[in-house]
Amino acid sequence: MNAPVAIIGMSGVFPLAPDLDAFHRNLLEGVDAVRTIPTERLWFSTLPDVEYPPAACLDRIDLFDPRAFGLSLREAELMDPHQRMTMQLVCKAI
């Protein structure tokens, strides 16, 4: 019999937590991920002289290997950052 099969995976990345296990630990320990935005992160801001309030930011969002997805560096640069992140998380979930 050919019954349908569902393969379910889950992944995520959160402020101060690169994966679900770290996120769960942070929740249990009451970690507050809101912090001052790192200076190097503001270099890419369109408003570098603005004083930004503390925020919960994802770390190392610059780590994307376009070759792993058959993309050129230029294609990856033109993609929405959310799309790059989604591609990485889908691969982790699978």
Protein backbone atom coordinates (compact mmCIF):
# COMPACT_ATOMS: atom_id res chain seq x y z
CA MET A 1 0.00 0.00 0.00
CA ASN A 2 1.32 3.48 -0.90
CA ALA A 3 0.19 5.60 2.03
CA PRO A 4 1.14 9.27 2.03
CA VAL A 5 4.10 10.14 4.23
CA ALA A 6 4.77 13.51 5.83
CA ILE A 7 8.32 14.40 6.78
CA ILE A 8 8.32 17.16 9.35
CA GLY A 9 11.35 19.19 10.29
CA MET A 10 11.83 22.34 12.26
CA SER A 11 14.58 24.90 12.52
CA GLY A 12 14.94 28.43 13.67
CA VAL A 13 17.37 31.17 14.49
CA PHE A 14 16.68 33.77 17.15
CA PRO A 15 18.47 36.66 18.84
CA LEU A 16 21.27 35.18 21.00
CA ALA A 17 20.23 31.68 19.90
CA PRO A 18 21.54 30.11 16.68
CA ASP A 19 19.17 27.14 16.93
CA LEU A 20 16.06 25.83 18.67
CA ASP A 21 17.95 24.18 21.53
CA ALA A 22 19.72 27.43 22.40
CA PHE A 23 16.43 29.32 22.16
CA HIS A 24 14.80 26.84 24.53
CA ARG A 25 17.68 27.21 27.02
CA ASN A 26 17.38 31.00 26.82
CA LEU A 27 13.66 30.78 27.56
CA LEU A 28 14.25 28.51 30.56
CA GLU A 29 17.01 30.79 31.89
CA GLY A 30 15.05 34.00 31.25
CA VAL A 31 17.68 35.45 28.91
CA ASP A 32 16.76 38.91 27.62
CA ALA A 33 17.98 39.16 24.02
CA VAL A 34 17.39 42.91 23.80
CA ARG A 35 20.77 44.68 23.75
CA THR A 36 22.63 47.60 22.29
CA ILE A 37 23.04 47.17 18.56
CA PRO A 38 26.68 46.27 17.80
CA THR A 39 28.67 49.10 16.20
CA GLU A 40 29.77 46.95 13.24
CA ARG A 41 26.12 46.34 12.47
CA LEU A 42 25.47 50.06 12.20
CA TRP A 43 28.13 50.45 9.48
CA PHE A 44 25.59 49.12 7.01
CA SER A 45 22.81 51.37 8.24
CA THR A 46 21.38 54.01 5.93
CA LEU A 47 21.18 56.31 8.96
CA PRO A 48 24.54 55.80 10.75
CA ASP A 49 24.29 58.97 12.86
CA VAL A 50 20.94 58.06 14.40
CA GLU A 51 20.95 56.78 17.96
CA TYR A 52 19.14 53.46 17.77
CA PRO A 53 17.34 52.02 20.80
CA PRO A 54 18.34 48.59 22.09
CA ALA A 55 16.93 45.75 20.01
CA ALA A 56 16.91 41.98 19.67
CA CYS A 57 19.06 41.33 16.59
CA LEU A 58 20.08 38.12 14.89
CA ASP A 59 23.80 37.37 14.93
CA ARG A 60 25.94 36.52 11.89
CA ILE A 61 23.30 37.18 9.25
CA ASP A 62 26.20 37.76 6.86
CA LEU A 63 27.04 34.04 6.74
CA PHE A 64 25.41 32.83 3.55
CA ASP A 65 27.14 30.52 1.07
CA PRO A 66 25.53 31.21 -2.32
CA ARG A 67 27.43 28.32 -3.94
CA ALA A 68 25.65 25.84 -1.66
CA PHE A 69 22.40 26.91 -3.35
CA GLY A 70 23.77 27.18 -6.89
CA LEU A 71 23.70 30.99 -6.82
CA SER A 72 26.26 33.52 -7.89
CA LEU A 73 27.52 36.06 -5.37
CA ARG A 74 25.70 38.80 -7.29
CA GLU A 75 22.39 36.88 -7.18
CA ALA A 76 22.77 36.41 -3.42
CA GLU A 77 23.50 40.11 -2.92
CA LEU A 78 20.33 41.04 -4.79
CA MET A 79 18.12 38.61 -2.84
CA ASP A 80 15.96 39.71 0.04
CA PRO A 81 17.80 38.79 3.27
CA HIS A 82 14.67 37.00 4.48
CA GLN A 83 14.84 34.73 1.45
CA ARG A 84 18.48 33.85 2.15
CA MET A 85 17.63 33.10 5.79
CA THR A 86 14.64 30.98 4.77
CA MET A 87 16.77 28.93 2.39
CA GLN A 88 19.27 28.19 5.14
CA LEU A 89 16.59 27.26 7.67
CA VAL A 90 14.78 24.97 5.23
CA CYS A 91 18.02 23.07 4.64
CA LYS A 92 18.54 22.73 8.41
CA ALA A 93 14.98 21.49 8.88
CA ILE A 94 15.34 18.86 6.19
